[in-house]
Amino acid sequence: MNREEFIKLFHGDSGQWEGDNAMQGLKIIERYAPNHCVVGVGHDVIYSADVDELIDAGITRDDAEELRRLNWMIEDGSFLACFV
């Protein structure tokens, strides 16, 4: 998957989920960027791995779609982020 395809996946609506969507997303991200699961925090938001790092690590379309379903977003065109 390339950057354009990855970003396009995040233009859709999120889905329904149960439990802690932030933690579920971090568990997916950890598979591809174990040293960059959380790179920063803001008011009610956590920032995670860089999009290019995840793509270079081989993130699957299914995992990217799951992150979007869990209401993760791309912040500043570079980092995955999630409201908590």
N, C-alpha and C. Protein backbone atom coordinates (compact mmCIF):
# COMPACT_ATOMS: atom_id res chain seq x y z
N MET A 1 0.86 -1.17 0.00
CA MET A 1 0.00 0.00 0.00
C MET A 1 0.91 1.24 0.00
N ASN A 2 0.53 2.24 -0.79
CA ASN A 2 1.32 3.46 -0.81
C ASN A 2 0.65 4.52 0.06
N ARG A 3 1.33 5.66 0.20
CA ARG A 3 0.84 6.74 1.06
C ARG A 3 -0.54 7.24 0.62
N GLU A 4 -0.72 7.43 -0.68
CA GLU A 4 -1.99 7.93 -1.19
C GLU A 4 -3.14 6.98 -0.85
N GLU A 5 -2.93 5.68 -1.03
CA GLU A 5 -3.97 4.69 -0.71
C GLU A 5 -4.26 4.69 0.79
N PHE A 6 -3.20 4.76 1.59
CA PHE A 6 -3.36 4.77 3.05
C PHE A 6 -4.20 5.97 3.48
N ILE A 7 -3.83 7.14 3.02
CA ILE A 7 -4.54 8.36 3.42
C ILE A 7 -5.99 8.33 2.94
N LYS A 8 -6.23 7.82 1.75
CA LYS A 8 -7.60 7.73 1.22
C LYS A 8 -8.50 6.90 2.13
N LEU A 9 -7.95 5.85 2.73
CA LEU A 9 -8.74 5.01 3.64
C LEU A 9 -9.28 5.81 4.83
N PHE A 10 -8.57 6.87 5.20
CA PHE A 10 -8.96 7.64 6.38
C PHE A 10 -9.93 8.78 6.06
N HIS A 11 -10.38 8.86 4.82
CA HIS A 11 -11.37 9.87 4.46
C HIS A 11 -12.78 9.40 4.72
N GLY A 12 -12.96 8.12 4.97
CA GLY A 12 -14.29 7.59 5.22
C GLY A 12 -14.70 7.77 6.67
N ASP A 13 -15.91 7.40 6.94
CA ASP A 13 -16.43 7.48 8.30
C ASP A 13 -15.86 6.35 9.14
N SER A 14 -15.80 6.61 10.45
CA SER A 14 -15.41 5.54 11.35
C SER A 14 -16.60 4.61 11.54
N GLY A 15 -16.36 3.50 12.19
CA GLY A 15 -17.43 2.53 12.40
C GLY A 15 -17.80 2.43 13.86
N GLN A 16 -18.48 1.37 14.17
CA GLN A 16 -18.86 1.08 15.55
C GLN A 16 -17.80 0.20 16.19
N TRP A 17 -17.55 0.40 17.45
CA TRP A 17 -16.60 -0.44 18.17
C TRP A 17 -17.05 -0.56 19.62
N GLU A 18 -16.50 -1.53 20.29
CA GLU A 18 -16.74 -1.71 21.72
C GLU A 18 -15.40 -1.65 22.42
N GLY A 19 -15.40 -1.14 23.63
CA GLY A 19 -14.18 -1.09 24.40
C GLY A 19 -13.38 0.17 24.12
N ASP A 20 -12.11 0.09 24.42
CA ASP A 20 -11.20 1.23 24.32
C ASP A 20 -10.61 1.31 22.92
N ASN A 21 -11.16 2.17 22.08
CA ASN A 21 -10.69 2.26 20.70
C ASN A 21 -9.25 2.75 20.60
N ALA A 22 -8.83 3.59 21.53
CA ALA A 22 -7.44 4.08 21.52
C ALA A 22 -6.48 2.92 21.78
N MET A 23 -6.76 2.13 22.78
CA MET A 23 -5.87 1.00 23.12
C MET A 23 -5.88 -0.04 22.01
N GLN A 24 -7.05 -0.33 21.45
CA GLN A 24 -7.13 -1.29 20.36
C GLN A 24 -6.29 -0.83 19.18
N GLY A 25 -6.35 0.46 18.88
CA GLY A 25 -5.55 1.00 17.79
C GLY A 25 -4.06 0.94 18.08
N LEU A 26 -3.68 1.27 19.31
CA LEU A 26 -2.26 1.21 19.68
C LEU A 26 -1.70 -0.20 19.56
N LYS A 27 -2.52 -1.19 19.86
CA LYS A 27 -2.07 -2.58 19.71
C LYS A 27 -1.79 -2.91 18.24
N ILE A 28 -2.60 -2.38 17.33
CA ILE A 28 -2.34 -2.58 15.90
C ILE A 28 -1.06 -1.86 15.51
N ILE A 29 -0.93 -0.62 15.90
CA ILE A 29 0.23 0.20 15.55
C ILE A 29 1.52 -0.41 16.09
N GLU A 30 1.44 -0.98 17.27
CA GLU A 30 2.64 -1.58 17.90
C GLU A 30 3.25 -2.67 17.03
N ARG A 31 2.45 -3.37 16.25
CA ARG A 31 2.97 -4.41 15.37
C ARG A 31 3.92 -3.86 14.32
N TYR A 32 3.70 -2.61 13.92
CA TYR A 32 4.47 -2.00 12.84
C TYR A 32 5.48 -0.95 13.33
N ALA A 33 5.22 -0.34 14.46
CA ALA A 33 6.09 0.71 14.98
C ALA A 33 6.21 0.57 16.50
N PRO A 34 6.84 -0.50 16.97
CA PRO A 34 6.86 -0.76 18.41
C PRO A 34 7.52 0.34 19.25
N ASN A 35 8.38 1.10 18.67
CA ASN A 35 9.06 2.15 19.43
C ASN A 35 8.39 3.52 19.29
N HIS A 36 7.28 3.58 18.56
CA HIS A 36 6.62 4.86 18.32
C HIS A 36 5.11 4.78 18.48
N CYS A 37 4.65 3.95 19.40
CA CYS A 37 3.20 3.83 19.58
C CYS A 37 2.58 5.16 20.03
N VAL A 38 3.20 5.81 21.00
CA VAL A 38 2.74 7.11 21.45
C VAL A 38 3.92 8.06 21.34
N VAL A 39 3.76 9.07 20.49
CA VAL A 39 4.85 10.03 20.30
C VAL A 39 4.51 11.40 20.88
N GLY A 40 3.28 11.59 21.31
CA GLY A 40 2.89 12.84 21.93
C GLY A 40 1.45 12.81 22.38
N VAL A 41 1.11 13.77 23.20
CA VAL A 41 -0.26 13.88 23.69
C VAL A 41 -0.67 15.34 23.64
N GLY A 42 -1.93 15.55 23.49
CA GLY A 42 -2.51 16.89 23.53
C GLY A 42 -3.76 16.82 24.38
N HIS A 43 -4.53 17.86 24.34
CA HIS A 43 -5.77 17.87 25.09
C HIS A 43 -6.74 16.86 24.47
N ASP A 44 -6.95 15.75 25.16
CA ASP A 44 -7.89 14.70 24.74
C ASP A 44 -7.49 13.96 23.47
N VAL A 45 -6.22 14.00 23.09
CA VAL A 45 -5.78 13.29 21.88
C VAL A 45 -4.38 12.71 22.12
N ILE A 46 -4.16 11.53 21.55
CA ILE A 46 -2.82 10.95 21.55
C ILE A 46 -2.33 10.90 20.11
N TYR A 47 -1.04 11.10 19.95
CA TYR A 47 -0.41 11.07 18.63
C TYR A 47 0.48 9.85 18.56
N SER A 48 0.42 9.16 17.46
CA SER A 48 1.16 7.92 17.32
C SER A 48 2.10 7.98 16.13
N ALA A 49 2.41 6.84 15.59
CA ALA A 49 3.44 6.66 14.56
C ALA A 49 3.17 7.48 13.31
N ASP A 50 4.25 7.78 12.61
CA ASP A 50 4.22 8.47 11.34
C ASP A 50 3.64 7.53 10.27
N VAL A 51 2.80 8.08 9.42
CA VAL A 51 2.16 7.31 8.35
C VAL A 51 3.20 6.58 7.50
N ASP A 52 4.26 7.29 7.10
CA ASP A 52 5.28 6.68 6.24
C ASP A 52 5.99 5.53 6.94
N GLU A 53 6.20 5.65 8.24
CA GLU A 53 6.83 4.56 8.99
C GLU A 53 5.96 3.31 8.96
N LEU A 54 4.67 3.49 9.12
CA LEU A 54 3.75 2.35 9.10
C LEU A 54 3.72 1.70 7.72
N ILE A 55 3.69 2.53 6.70
CA ILE A 55 3.67 2.00 5.32
C ILE A 55 4.96 1.24 5.04
N ASP A 56 6.10 1.83 5.42
CA ASP A 56 7.39 1.18 5.21
C ASP A 56 7.50 -0.14 5.97
N ALA A 57 6.81 -0.21 7.11
CA ALA A 57 6.83 -1.44 7.92
C ALA A 57 5.86 -2.49 7.39
N GLY A 58 5.06 -2.13 6.37
CA GLY A 58 4.18 -3.11 5.75
C GLY A 58 2.78 -3.20 6.33
N ILE A 59 2.27 -2.13 6.90
CA ILE A 59 0.90 -2.19 7.44
C ILE A 59 -0.05 -2.68 6.36
N THR A 60 -0.93 -3.55 6.74
CA THR A 60 -1.88 -4.12 5.79
C THR A 60 -3.09 -3.20 5.61
N ARG A 61 -3.76 -3.36 4.49
CA ARG A 61 -4.99 -2.62 4.24
C ARG A 61 -6.01 -2.94 5.34
N ASP A 62 -6.11 -4.19 5.73
CA ASP A 62 -7.07 -4.58 6.77
C ASP A 62 -6.78 -3.84 8.08
N ASP A 63 -5.51 -3.76 8.47
CA ASP A 63 -5.17 -3.06 9.71
C ASP A 63 -5.43 -1.57 9.60
N ALA A 64 -5.14 -0.98 8.45
CA ALA A 64 -5.42 0.44 8.25
C ALA A 64 -6.93 0.70 8.31
N GLU A 65 -7.70 -0.16 7.68
CA GLU A 65 -9.16 -0.02 7.72
C GLU A 65 -9.68 -0.18 9.15
N GLU A 66 -9.07 -1.08 9.89
CA GLU A 66 -9.49 -1.28 11.29
C GLU A 66 -9.18 -0.04 12.12
N LEU A 67 -8.05 0.58 11.89
CA LEU A 67 -7.72 1.82 12.61
C LEU A 67 -8.76 2.90 12.31
N ARG A 68 -9.16 3.02 11.07
CA ARG A 68 -10.19 4.01 10.72
C ARG A 68 -11.51 3.68 11.37
N ARG A 69 -11.86 2.39 11.36
CA ARG A 69 -13.11 1.97 12.00
C ARG A 69 -13.10 2.34 13.48
N LEU A 70 -11.92 2.27 14.10
CA LEU A 70 -11.76 2.58 15.52
C LEU A 70 -11.65 4.09 15.77
N ASN A 71 -11.91 4.89 14.75
CA ASN A 71 -11.94 6.35 14.85
C ASN A 71 -10.55 7.00 14.97
N TRP A 72 -9.53 6.33 14.45
CA TRP A 72 -8.22 6.95 14.34
C TRP A 72 -8.24 7.86 13.13
N MET A 73 -7.36 8.87 13.14
CA MET A 73 -7.30 9.85 12.05
C MET A 73 -5.85 10.17 11.74
N ILE A 74 -5.64 10.85 10.64
CA ILE A 74 -4.31 11.33 10.29
C ILE A 74 -4.25 12.80 10.62
N GLU A 75 -3.33 13.16 11.47
CA GLU A 75 -3.16 14.53 11.94
C GLU A 75 -1.97 15.18 11.24
N ASP A 76 -2.16 16.40 10.79
CA ASP A 76 -1.10 17.16 10.11
C ASP A 76 -0.52 16.42 8.91
N GLY A 77 -1.29 15.52 8.32
CA GLY A 77 -0.85 14.79 7.15
C GLY A 77 0.26 13.79 7.40
N SER A 78 0.61 13.58 8.66
CA SER A 78 1.77 12.74 8.96
C SER A 78 1.57 11.68 10.03
N PHE A 79 0.88 12.01 11.10
CA PHE A 79 0.81 11.12 12.25
C PHE A 79 -0.60 10.59 12.46
N LEU A 80 -0.68 9.35 12.93
CA LEU A 80 -1.97 8.83 13.35
C LEU A 80 -2.30 9.43 14.71
N ALA A 81 -3.56 9.71 14.93
CA ALA A 81 -3.99 10.31 16.18
C ALA A 81 -5.38 9.76 16.53
N CYS A 82 -5.69 9.84 17.82
CA CYS A 82 -6.98 9.34 18.28
C CYS A 82 -7.43 10.16 19.48
N PHE A 83 -8.70 10.57 19.46
CA PHE A 83 -9.27 11.23 20.65
C PHE A 83 -9.46 10.20 21.74
N VAL A 84 -9.21 10.62 22.97
CA VAL A 84 -9.39 9.73 24.12
C VAL A 84 -10.37 10.32 25.09
